[in-house]
C-alpha atoms as a PDB file:
ATOM      1  CA  UNK A   1      95.952 113.339  97.329  1.00  0.00           C
ATOM      2  CA  UNK A   2      97.801 112.072 100.487  1.00  0.00           C
ATOM      3  CA  UNK A   3      98.453 108.529 101.750  1.00  0.00           C
ATOM      4  CA  UNK A   4      96.061 108.874 104.785  1.00  0.00           C
ATOM      5  CA  UNK A   5      93.297 110.107 102.667  1.00  0.00           C
ATOM      6  CA  UNK A   6      93.726 107.259 100.107  1.00  0.00           C
ATOM      7  CA  UNK A   7      93.781 104.775 103.121  1.00  0.00           C
ATOM      8  CA  UNK A   8      90.513 106.200 104.702  1.00  0.00           C
ATOM      9  CA  UNK A   9      88.784 105.873 101.342  1.00  0.00           C
ATOM     10  CA  UNK A  10      89.786 102.172 101.179  1.00  0.00           C
ATOM     11  CA  UNK A  11      88.616 101.649 104.806  1.00  0.00           C
ATOM     12  CA  UNK A  12      85.164 103.283 104.089  1.00  0.00           C
ATOM     13  CA  UNK A  13      85.025 101.104 100.963  1.00  0.00           C
ATOM     14  CA  UNK A  14      85.740  98.127 102.811  1.00  0.00           C
ATOM     15  CA  UNK A  15      83.003  98.947 105.366  1.00  0.00           C
ATOM     16  CA  UNK A  16      80.599  99.759 102.772  1.00  0.00           C
ATOM     17  CA  UNK A  17      80.959  96.446 100.815  1.00  0.00           C
ATOM     18  CA  UNK A  18      80.808  94.401 104.006  1.00  0.00           C
ATOM     19  CA  UNK A  19      77.430  95.921 104.901  1.00  0.00           C
ATOM     20  CA  UNK A  20      75.822  95.679 101.537  1.00  0.00           C
ATOM     21  CA  UNK A  21      77.106  92.479 100.215  1.00  0.00           C
ATOM     22  CA  UNK A  22      78.300  90.597 103.344  1.00  0.00           C
ATOM     23  CA  UNK A  23      81.545  89.338 101.726  1.00  0.00           C
ATOM     24  CA  UNK A  24      84.035  87.166 103.463  1.00  0.00           C
ATOM     25  CA  UNK A  25      87.481  88.775 104.123  1.00  0.00           C
ATOM     26  CA  UNK A  26      89.254  86.974 101.351  1.00  0.00           C
ATOM     27  CA  UNK A  27      86.451  87.947  98.912  1.00  0.00           C
ATOM     28  CA  UNK A  28      86.623  91.654  99.902  1.00  0.00           C
ATOM     29  CA  UNK A  29      90.493  91.546  99.589  1.00  0.00           C
ATOM     30  CA  UNK A  30      90.304  90.026  95.937  1.00  0.00           C
ATOM     31  CA  UNK A  31      87.517  92.308  95.040  1.00  0.00           C
ATOM     32  CA  UNK A  32      89.361  95.502  96.029  1.00  0.00           C
ATOM     33  CA  UNK A  33      92.697  94.113  95.093  1.00  0.00           C
ATOM     34  CA  UNK A  34      94.263  94.800  98.475  1.00  0.00           C
ATOM     35  CA  UNK A  35      95.870  92.580 101.090  1.00  0.00           C
ATOM     36  CA  UNK A  36      93.823  90.363 103.172  1.00  0.00           C
ATOM     37  CA  UNK A  37      95.527  91.283 106.198  1.00  0.00           C
ATOM     38  CA  UNK A  38      94.457  95.036 105.984  1.00  0.00           C
ATOM     39  CA  UNK A  39      91.029  93.885 105.300  1.00  0.00           C
ATOM     40  CA  UNK A  40      90.916  91.629 108.597  1.00  0.00           C
ATOM     41  CA  UNK A  41      92.449  94.772 110.560  1.00  0.00           C
ATOM     42  CA  UNK A  42      89.739  97.003 109.359  1.00  0.00           C
ATOM     43  CA  UNK A  43      86.945  94.520 110.169  1.00  0.00           C
ATOM     44  CA  UNK A  44      88.313  93.951 113.790  1.00  0.00           C
ATOM     45  CA  UNK A  45      88.277  97.632 114.335  1.00  0.00           C
ATOM     46  CA  UNK A  46      91.997  98.190 114.311  1.00  0.00           C
ATOM     47  CA  UNK A  47      93.643 101.395 112.955  1.00  0.00           C
ATOM     48  CA  UNK A  48      95.591 100.901 109.682  1.00  0.00           C
ATOM     49  CA  UNK A  49      98.089 103.037 108.388  1.00  0.00           C
ATOM     50  CA  UNK A  50      99.968 103.227 105.043  1.00  0.00           C
ATOM     51  CA  UNK A  51     102.609 100.731 104.901  1.00  0.00           C
ATOM     52  CA  UNK A  52     105.399 103.128 104.192  1.00  0.00           C
ATOM     53  CA  UNK A  53     104.621 104.845 107.397  1.00  0.00           C
ATOM     54  CA  UNK A  54     104.581 101.788 109.596  1.00  0.00           C
ATOM     55  CA  UNK A  55     107.908 100.764 107.914  1.00  0.00           C
ATOM     56  CA  UNK A  56     109.598 104.192 108.813  1.00  0.00           C
ATOM     57  CA  UNK A  57     108.083 103.976 112.306  1.00  0.00           C
ATOM     58  CA  UNK A  58     109.429 100.248 112.878  1.00  0.00           C
ATOM     59  CA  UNK A  59     112.966 101.296 111.271  1.00  0.00           C
ATOM     60  CA  UNK A  60     113.551 104.135 113.863  1.00  0.00           C
ATOM     61  CA  UNK A  61     111.650 103.090 116.696  1.00  0.00           C
ATOM     62  CA  UNK A  62     109.141 105.816 116.643  1.00  0.00           C
ATOM     63  CA  UNK A  63     105.229 105.655 117.277  1.00  0.00           C
ATOM     64  CA  UNK A  64     103.493 105.110 114.170  1.00  0.00           C
ATOM     65  CA  UNK A  65     100.945 108.150 114.986  1.00  0.00           C
ATOM     66  CA  UNK A  66     103.950 110.605 115.544  1.00  0.00           C
ATOM     67  CA  UNK A  67     105.339 109.458 111.842  1.00  0.00           C
ATOM     68  CA  UNK A  68     101.839 109.824 110.283  1.00  0.00           C
ATOM     69  CA  UNK A  69     101.460 113.353 111.818  1.00  0.00           C
ATOM     70  CA  UNK A  70     104.796 114.498 110.898  1.00  0.00           C
ATOM     71  CA  UNK A  71     105.148 113.010 107.257  1.00  0.00           C
ATOM     72  CA  UNK A  72     101.635 114.661 106.481  1.00  0.00           C
ATOM     73  CA  UNK A  73     102.941 117.920 107.508  1.00  0.00           C
ATOM     74  CA  UNK A  74     105.791 117.453 104.842  1.00  0.00           C
ATOM     75  CA  UNK A  75     108.690 116.516 107.460  1.00  0.00           C
ATOM     76  CA  UNK A  76     111.100 113.898 107.388  1.00  0.00           C
ATOM     77  CA  UNK A  77     113.227 112.103 110.043  1.00  0.00           C
ATOM     78  CA  UNK A  78     116.800 112.578 109.996  1.00  0.00           C
ATOM     79  CA  UNK A  79     118.602 109.824 111.856  1.00  0.00           C
ATOM     80  CA  UNK A  80     121.791 111.671 112.186  1.00  0.00           C
ATOM     81  CA  UNK A  81     120.035 114.450 113.937  1.00  0.00           C
ATOM     82  CA  UNK A  82     117.320 112.532 115.506  1.00  0.00           C
ATOM     83  CA  UNK A  83     114.715 115.082 114.560  1.00  0.00           C
ATOM     84  CA  UNK A  84     111.988 115.844 112.281  1.00  0.00           C
ATOM     85  CA  UNK A  85     113.010 118.416 109.770  1.00  0.00           C
ATOM     86  CA  UNK A  86     111.423 120.078 106.730  1.00  0.00           C
ATOM     87  CA  UNK A  87     111.669 117.785 103.575  1.00  0.00           C
ATOM     88  CA  UNK A  88     113.215 120.637 101.582  1.00  0.00           C
ATOM     89  CA  UNK A  89     116.469 120.162 103.805  1.00  0.00           C
ATOM     90  CA  UNK A  90     117.053 116.800 102.177  1.00  0.00           C
ATOM     91  CA  UNK A  91     118.218 115.993  98.630  1.00  0.00           C
ATOM     92  CA  UNK A  92     117.335 113.051  96.527  1.00  0.00           C
ATOM     93  CA  UNK A  93     119.682 110.247  95.857  1.00  0.00           C
ATOM     94  CA  UNK A  94     119.638 108.330  92.573  1.00  0.00           C
ATOM     95  CA  UNK A  95     117.887 105.356  93.974  1.00  0.00           C
ATOM     96  CA  UNK A  96     115.186 107.547  95.136  1.00  0.00           C
ATOM     97  CA  UNK A  97     116.104 107.641  98.687  1.00  0.00           C
ATOM     98  CA  UNK A  98     116.384 110.813 100.521  1.00  0.00           C
ATOM     99  CA  UNK A  99     119.540 112.051 102.687  1.00  0.00           C
ATOM    100  CA  UNK A 100     119.751 115.120 104.818  1.00  0.00           C
ATOM    101  CA  UNK A 101     122.094 117.695 103.443  1.00  0.00           C
ATOM    102  CA  UNK A 102     125.329 117.605 105.272  1.00  0.00           C
ATOM    103  CA  UNK A 103     125.798 121.274 105.859  1.00  0.00           C
ATOM    104  CA  UNK A 104     122.371 121.263 107.626  1.00  0.00           C
ATOM    105  CA  UNK A 105     122.677 118.441 109.883  1.00  0.00           C
ATOM    106  CA  UNK A 106     122.378 119.791 113.385  1.00  0.00           C
ATOM    107  CA  UNK A 107     124.195 116.711 115.006  1.00  0.00           C
ATOM    108  CA  UNK A 108     127.173 116.799 112.512  1.00  0.00           C
ATOM    109  CA  UNK A 109     127.677 120.680 112.914  1.00  0.00           C
ATOM    110  CA  UNK A 110     126.282 121.038 116.572  1.00  0.00           C
END
C-alpha cells in the first residue's frame, strides 16, 4: 500500500469518528495515535500529505503536489541533475539513503 492511500484512510477515519462520536481534536489524535496537528488540518479542510513527501518538497524547494505525483510514480529527485528520474537509476547507501549512480547523472556527464 502506498503512502497516499494510507494517508487517505487516516483522513476518512478522522472524519468518520468526528461525525459519529463528536470527539475533540486531542481525543481523536490520542485515539488514532497520530499527531494532533494532522487532525486539526484535516478538520479545517486542509490537504494533508505524508510527512516524507513534505520534507522532500521543503528540502528541494518543489511543490508538494509535484513531489507526491512523482514519488507515487516511482521516481526520485536527483539534486545534481535537478530532474525526476526512475528509482532504478539510484543505489542505496548503507544508511538507508539513496544516491544517483554517477555514470547516469545527466549534469555530471552532460
